[in-house]
Amino acid sequence: MEKARIFFGTNNPHKLREINEIIGSRYELLSFKDLVEEIEVEETELTLEGNAALKAKAFFDHTGIPCFADDTGLEVASLEGRPGVFSARYAGPACSSDDNIDKLLAELSDKTDRQAQFRTVIAFYDGDEMRYYDGIAKGNILPARQGEGGFGYDPVFQPEGHSQSFAEMSPQEKNAISHRGKAVRAFANFLMGG
């Protein structure tokens, strides 16, 4: 039986691998690497939901295939929820993950409350309606990087109830508890008619 095709709008190979590990056995997951030309969508919304929907709609309009896109933010309690929707470019437009982490750690250097949560919103658009799936991972920001794996803020994020950072966990361990894993499982449950 031929697998149903779904387009995931991302350039991030880490995200693609994570999501493929969760739903890849049931669906043929297409991404930018499967397109002749890449689609650039400027994330102009001020919410995770808004940016995810903006991307999902643009990708559907371009491909004609049911599309999903995500937006993820790290929300730090003592920073009034920053970096939030600006997580990927927190230290500036052309910044690296290390730049973002350095800025975050500098801003938290005098804070005792290091509670934070990662939140992922997936928007799925099939041409008729937009659906949203949420995932949250609560934890704390570590005082320094720990681990070599993962990406983004993973080396400084320690999920609740664990002694390791996301960057110290295997992909399987992280997927089981991560914000993206939770959002993808909620989305996969919908895809399977749950």
C-alpha atoms as a PDB file:
ATOM      1  CA  MET A   1       0.000   0.000   0.000  1.00  0.00           C
ATOM      2  CA  GLU A   2       1.295   3.424  -0.936  1.00  0.00           C
ATOM      3  CA  LYS A   3       1.990   5.765   1.947  1.00  0.00           C
ATOM      4  CA  ALA A   4       0.085   9.043   2.127  1.00  0.00           C
ATOM      5  CA  ARG A   5       2.277  12.037   1.374  1.00  0.00           C
ATOM      6  CA  ILE A   6       2.666  14.958   3.734  1.00  0.00           C
ATOM      7  CA  PHE A   7       4.894  17.965   3.314  1.00  0.00           C
ATOM      8  CA  PHE A   8       6.843  19.246   6.325  1.00  0.00           C
ATOM      9  CA  GLY A   9       7.970  22.807   5.832  1.00  0.00           C
ATOM     10  CA  THR A  10      11.407  22.966   7.378  1.00  0.00           C
ATOM     11  CA  ASN A  11      15.009  23.508   6.400  1.00  0.00           C
ATOM     12  CA  ASN A  12      16.195  22.108   9.701  1.00  0.00           C
ATOM     13  CA  PRO A  13      17.645  18.588   9.222  1.00  0.00           C
ATOM     14  CA  HIS A  14      17.467  17.942  12.987  1.00  0.00           C
ATOM     15  CA  LYS A  15      13.715  18.671  13.087  1.00  0.00           C
ATOM     16  CA  LEU A  16      13.163  16.574   9.965  1.00  0.00           C
ATOM     17  CA  ARG A  17      15.000  13.609  11.470  1.00  0.00           C
ATOM     18  CA  GLU A  18      13.107  13.918  14.777  1.00  0.00           C
ATOM     19  CA  ILE A  19       9.718  14.004  13.082  1.00  0.00           C
ATOM     20  CA  ASN A  20      10.585  11.259  10.593  1.00  0.00           C
ATOM     21  CA  GLU A  21      11.525   9.000  13.531  1.00  0.00           C
ATOM     22  CA  ILE A  22       8.037   9.509  14.972  1.00  0.00           C
ATOM     23  CA  ILE A  23       5.746   9.334  11.903  1.00  0.00           C
ATOM     24  CA  GLY A  24       7.996   8.161   9.062  1.00  0.00           C
ATOM     25  CA  SER A  25       6.861   4.547   9.152  1.00  0.00           C
ATOM     26  CA  ARG A  26       3.280   5.535   8.303  1.00  0.00           C
ATOM     27  CA  TYR A  27       3.711   8.482   5.952  1.00  0.00           C
ATOM     28  CA  GLU A  28       5.970   9.592   3.161  1.00  0.00           C
ATOM     29  CA  LEU A  29       7.415  12.766   4.611  1.00  0.00           C
ATOM     30  CA  LEU A  30       8.435  15.311   1.988  1.00  0.00           C
ATOM     31  CA  SER A  31      10.429  18.449   2.693  1.00  0.00           C
ATOM     32  CA  PHE A  32      12.295  21.212   0.896  1.00  0.00           C
ATOM     33  CA  LYS A  33      14.907  18.735  -0.326  1.00  0.00           C
ATOM     34  CA  ASP A  34      12.141  17.139  -2.443  1.00  0.00           C
ATOM     35  CA  LEU A  35      11.237  20.404  -4.179  1.00  0.00           C
ATOM     36  CA  VAL A  36      12.779  21.889  -7.289  1.00  0.00           C
ATOM     37  CA  GLU A  37      12.712  25.342  -5.724  1.00  0.00           C
ATOM     38  CA  GLU A  38      12.707  26.381  -2.116  1.00  0.00           C
ATOM     39  CA  ILE A  39       9.945  28.502  -0.629  1.00  0.00           C
ATOM     40  CA  GLU A  40      10.927  31.349   1.666  1.00  0.00           C
ATOM     41  CA  VAL A  41       8.303  32.386   4.203  1.00  0.00           C
ATOM     42  CA  GLU A  42       9.086  35.316   6.450  1.00  0.00           C
ATOM     43  CA  GLU A  43       7.936  34.687  10.014  1.00  0.00           C
ATOM     44  CA  THR A  44       6.168  37.974  10.674  1.00  0.00           C
ATOM     45  CA  GLU A  45       3.621  36.851  13.279  1.00  0.00           C
ATOM     46  CA  LEU A  46       4.063  37.508  16.995  1.00  0.00           C
ATOM     47  CA  THR A  47       2.846  34.087  18.154  1.00  0.00           C
ATOM     48  CA  LEU A  48       4.047  30.538  17.564  1.00  0.00           C
ATOM     49  CA  GLU A  49       0.573  29.642  16.237  1.00  0.00           C
ATOM     50  CA  GLY A  50       0.636  32.540  13.789  1.00  0.00           C
ATOM     51  CA  ASN A  51       4.054  31.687  12.348  1.00  0.00           C
ATOM     52  CA  ALA A  52       3.265  27.978  12.054  1.00  0.00           C
ATOM     53  CA  ALA A  53      -0.018  28.728  10.225  1.00  0.00           C
ATOM     54  CA  LEU A  54       1.656  31.253   7.927  1.00  0.00           C
ATOM     55  CA  LYS A  55       4.184  28.627   6.841  1.00  0.00           C
ATOM     56  CA  ALA A  56       1.716  25.724   6.519  1.00  0.00           C
ATOM     57  CA  LYS A  57      -0.608  27.763   4.260  1.00  0.00           C
ATOM     58  CA  ALA A  58       2.246  29.037   2.071  1.00  0.00           C
ATOM     59  CA  PHE A  59       3.662  25.522   1.636  1.00  0.00           C
ATOM     60  CA  PHE A  60       0.247  24.077   0.763  1.00  0.00           C
ATOM     61  CA  ASP A  61      -0.328  26.826  -1.803  1.00  0.00           C
ATOM     62  CA  HIS A  62       3.037  25.953  -3.388  1.00  0.00           C
ATOM     63  CA  THR A  63       2.897  22.139  -3.283  1.00  0.00           C
ATOM     64  CA  GLY A  64      -0.799  21.231  -3.289  1.00  0.00           C
ATOM     65  CA  ILE A  65       0.072  18.552  -0.696  1.00  0.00           C
ATOM     66  CA  PRO A  66      -1.317  18.622   2.870  1.00  0.00           C
ATOM     67  CA  CYS A  67       1.328  20.532   4.811  1.00  0.00           C
ATOM     68  CA  PHE A  68       2.418  21.014   8.343  1.00  0.00           C
ATOM     69  CA  ALA A  69       4.868  23.469   9.779  1.00  0.00           C
ATOM     70  CA  ASP A  70       5.966  24.114  13.307  1.00  0.00           C
ATOM     71  CA  ASP A  71       7.211  26.981  15.331  1.00  0.00           C
ATOM     72  CA  THR A  72       9.001  26.439  18.600  1.00  0.00           C
ATOM     73  CA  GLY A  73       9.951  28.819  21.339  1.00  0.00           C
ATOM     74  CA  LEU A  74      11.836  28.651  24.594  1.00  0.00           C
ATOM     75  CA  GLU A  75       9.860  30.540  27.232  1.00  0.00           C
ATOM     76  CA  VAL A  76      11.794  31.551  30.350  1.00  0.00           C
ATOM     77  CA  ALA A  77       9.729  32.557  33.386  1.00  0.00           C
ATOM     78  CA  SER A  78      12.070  35.193  34.833  1.00  0.00           C
ATOM     79  CA  LEU A  79      12.479  36.810  31.386  1.00  0.00           C
ATOM     80  CA  GLU A  80       8.712  37.327  30.960  1.00  0.00           C
ATOM     81  CA  GLY A  81       8.546  34.451  28.477  1.00  0.00           C
ATOM     82  CA  ARG A  82      11.497  35.527  26.316  1.00  0.00           C
ATOM     83  CA  PRO A  83      12.998  34.512  23.949  1.00  0.00           C
ATOM     84  CA  GLY A  84       9.650  32.938  22.937  1.00  0.00           C
ATOM     85  CA  VAL A  85       8.711  33.497  19.305  1.00  0.00           C
ATOM     86  CA  PHE A  86      12.158  35.061  18.718  1.00  0.00           C
ATOM     87  CA  SER A  87      14.103  32.009  20.004  1.00  0.00           C
ATOM     88  CA  ALA A  88      15.843  31.182  16.699  1.00  0.00           C
ATOM     89  CA  ARG A  89      17.097  34.738  16.187  1.00  0.00           C
ATOM     90  CA  TYR A  90      17.339  35.902  19.793  1.00  0.00           C
ATOM     91  CA  ALA A  91      20.892  37.237  19.470  1.00  0.00           C
ATOM     92  CA  GLY A  92      20.220  38.867  16.095  1.00  0.00           C
ATOM     93  CA  PRO A  93      19.228  38.025  12.491  1.00  0.00           C
ATOM     94  CA  ALA A  94      22.362  36.063  11.531  1.00  0.00           C
ATOM     95  CA  CYS A  95      23.138  34.574  14.943  1.00  0.00           C
ATOM     96  CA  SER A  96      24.187  31.003  15.715  1.00  0.00           C
ATOM     97  CA  SER A  97      22.744  28.708  18.386  1.00  0.00           C
ATOM     98  CA  ASP A  98      25.833  29.440  20.492  1.00  0.00           C
ATOM     99  CA  ASP A  99      25.173  33.190  20.212  1.00  0.00           C
ATOM    100  CA  ASN A 100      21.599  32.639  21.393  1.00  0.00           C
ATOM    101  CA  ILE A 101      22.732  30.498  24.336  1.00  0.00           C
ATOM    102  CA  ASP A 102      25.388  33.043  25.321  1.00  0.00           C
ATOM    103  CA  LYS A 103      22.795  35.835  25.345  1.00  0.00           C
ATOM    104  CA  LEU A 104      20.342  33.728  27.362  1.00  0.00           C
ATOM    105  CA  LEU A 105      22.941  32.724  29.969  1.00  0.00           C
ATOM    106  CA  ALA A 106      24.098  36.355  30.292  1.00  0.00           C
ATOM    107  CA  GLU A 107      20.517  37.508  30.894  1.00  0.00           C
ATOM    108  CA  LEU A 108      20.005  34.801  33.529  1.00  0.00           C
ATOM    109  CA  SER A 109      23.342  35.335  35.295  1.00  0.00           C
ATOM    110  CA  ASP A 110      21.752  37.235  38.218  1.00  0.00           C
ATOM    111  CA  LYS A 111      18.462  35.276  38.298  1.00  0.00           C
ATOM    112  CA  THR A 112      17.632  32.540  40.791  1.00  0.00           C
ATOM    113  CA  ASP A 113      14.431  31.465  39.032  1.00  0.00           C
ATOM    114  CA  ARG A 114      15.580  29.463  36.015  1.00  0.00           C
ATOM    115  CA  GLN A 115      12.261  27.796  35.210  1.00  0.00           C
ATOM    116  CA  ALA A 116      11.560  27.502  31.505  1.00  0.00           C
ATOM    117  CA  GLN A 117       9.529  25.585  29.009  1.00  0.00           C
ATOM    118  CA  PHE A 118       9.938  24.653  25.393  1.00  0.00           C
ATOM    119  CA  ARG A 119       6.681  24.966  23.439  1.00  0.00           C
ATOM    120  CA  THR A 120       6.044  23.663  19.934  1.00  0.00           C
ATOM    121  CA  VAL A 121       2.968  24.465  17.886  1.00  0.00           C
ATOM    122  CA  ILE A 122       2.297  22.440  14.745  1.00  0.00           C
ATOM    123  CA  ALA A 123      -0.111  23.896  12.207  1.00  0.00           C
ATOM    124  CA  PHE A 124      -1.560  21.451   9.659  1.00  0.00           C
ATOM    125  CA  TYR A 125      -3.337  22.731   6.559  1.00  0.00           C
ATOM    126  CA  ASP A 126      -5.006  20.430   4.056  1.00  0.00           C
ATOM    127  CA  GLY A 127      -6.609  23.099   1.872  1.00  0.00           C
ATOM    128  CA  ASP A 128      -9.826  23.168   3.900  1.00  0.00           C
ATOM    129  CA  GLU A 129      -8.952  23.926   7.474  1.00  0.00           C
ATOM    130  CA  MET A 130      -6.066  24.795   9.750  1.00  0.00           C
ATOM    131  CA  ARG A 131      -5.522  22.550  12.770  1.00  0.00           C
ATOM    132  CA  TYR A 132      -3.123  23.112  15.670  1.00  0.00           C
ATOM    133  CA  TYR A 133      -1.233  20.668  17.889  1.00  0.00           C
ATOM    134  CA  ASP A 134       0.682  21.778  20.966  1.00  0.00           C
ATOM    135  CA  GLY A 135       3.510  20.251  22.958  1.00  0.00           C
ATOM    136  CA  ILE A 136       5.197  21.559  26.097  1.00  0.00           C
ATOM    137  CA  ALA A 137       8.319  20.378  27.932  1.00  0.00           C
ATOM    138  CA  LYS A 138       8.893  22.041  31.298  1.00  0.00           C
ATOM    139  CA  GLY A 139      12.311  22.317  32.887  1.00  0.00           C
ATOM    140  CA  ASN A 140      15.111  24.643  33.933  1.00  0.00           C
ATOM    141  CA  ILE A 141      17.943  26.508  32.272  1.00  0.00           C
ATOM    142  CA  LEU A 142      21.328  25.156  33.373  1.00  0.00           C
ATOM    143  CA  PRO A 143      24.123  27.609  34.318  1.00  0.00           C
ATOM    144  CA  ALA A 144      26.391  26.178  31.568  1.00  0.00           C
ATOM    145  CA  ARG A 145      26.199  23.911  28.514  1.00  0.00           C
ATOM    146  CA  GLN A 146      26.004  20.150  29.103  1.00  0.00           C
ATOM    147  CA  GLY A 147      26.214  17.579  26.305  1.00  0.00           C
ATOM    148  CA  GLU A 148      27.081  17.494  22.622  1.00  0.00           C
ATOM    149  CA  GLY A 149      23.827  16.245  21.068  1.00  0.00           C
ATOM    150  CA  GLY A 150      20.598  17.949  20.100  1.00  0.00           C
ATOM    151  CA  PHE A 151      20.476  21.451  18.670  1.00  0.00           C
ATOM    152  CA  GLY A 152      19.423  24.977  19.560  1.00  0.00           C
ATOM    153  CA  TYR A 153      19.093  25.503  23.308  1.00  0.00           C
ATOM    154  CA  ASP A 154      19.279  21.748  24.100  1.00  0.00           C
ATOM    155  CA  PRO A 155      22.668  21.959  25.918  1.00  0.00           C
ATOM    156  CA  VAL A 156      21.253  24.339  28.555  1.00  0.00           C
ATOM    157  CA  PHE A 157      17.739  22.901  28.940  1.00  0.00           C
ATOM    158  CA  GLN A 158      17.220  20.301  31.667  1.00  0.00           C
ATOM    159  CA  PRO A 159      13.740  18.778  31.500  1.00  0.00           C
ATOM    160  CA  GLU A 160      11.747  18.337  34.706  1.00  0.00           C
ATOM    161  CA  GLY A 161      12.487  15.104  36.544  1.00  0.00           C
ATOM    162  CA  HIS A 162      15.759  14.452  34.693  1.00  0.00           C
ATOM    163  CA  SER A 163      19.415  14.965  35.598  1.00  0.00           C
ATOM    164  CA  GLN A 164      20.585  15.384  31.988  1.00  0.00           C
ATOM    165  CA  SER A 165      20.161  18.181  29.489  1.00  0.00           C
ATOM    166  CA  PHE A 166      18.349  17.485  26.207  1.00  0.00           C
ATOM    167  CA  ALA A 167      21.798  17.527  24.561  1.00  0.00           C
ATOM    168  CA  GLU A 168      22.935  14.597  26.744  1.00  0.00           C
ATOM    169  CA  MET A 169      19.990  12.395  25.802  1.00  0.00           C
ATOM    170  CA  SER A 170      19.682   9.997  22.881  1.00  0.00           C
ATOM    171  CA  PRO A 171      17.210  11.066  20.166  1.00  0.00           C
ATOM    172  CA  GLN A 172      14.806   8.374  21.416  1.00  0.00           C
ATOM    173  CA  GLU A 173      14.993   9.585  25.041  1.00  0.00           C
ATOM    174  CA  LYS A 174      14.474  13.187  23.986  1.00  0.00           C
ATOM    175  CA  ASN A 175      11.570  12.383  21.605  1.00  0.00           C
ATOM    176  CA  ALA A 176       9.762  10.545  24.397  1.00  0.00           C
ATOM    177  CA  ILE A 177       9.522  13.702  26.537  1.00  0.00           C
ATOM    178  CA  SER A 178      10.194  16.653  24.237  1.00  0.00           C
ATOM    179  CA  HIS A 179       7.814  19.444  23.284  1.00  0.00           C
ATOM    180  CA  ARG A 180       8.141  18.530  19.607  1.00  0.00           C
ATOM    181  CA  GLY A 181       7.628  14.839  20.342  1.00  0.00           C
ATOM    182  CA  LYS A 182       4.399  15.621  22.219  1.00  0.00           C
ATOM    183  CA  ALA A 183       3.092  17.911  19.464  1.00  0.00           C
ATOM    184  CA  VAL A 184       3.995  15.365  16.759  1.00  0.00           C
ATOM    185  CA  ARG A 185       2.315  12.518  18.660  1.00  0.00           C
ATOM    186  CA  ALA A 186      -0.862  14.623  19.003  1.00  0.00           C
ATOM    187  CA  PHE A 187      -0.666  15.352  15.262  1.00  0.00           C
ATOM    188  CA  ALA A 188       0.076  11.689  14.403  1.00  0.00           C
ATOM    189  CA  ASN A 189      -2.896  10.630  16.541  1.00  0.00           C
ATOM    190  CA  PHE A 190      -5.112  12.888  14.416  1.00  0.00           C
ATOM    191  CA  LEU A 191      -3.598  11.513  11.177  1.00  0.00           C
ATOM    192  CA  MET A 192      -4.393   7.970  12.339  1.00  0.00           C
ATOM    193  CA  GLY A 193      -7.990   8.902  13.079  1.00  0.00           C
ATOM    194  CA  GLY A 194      -7.545   9.022  16.856  1.00  0.00           C
END
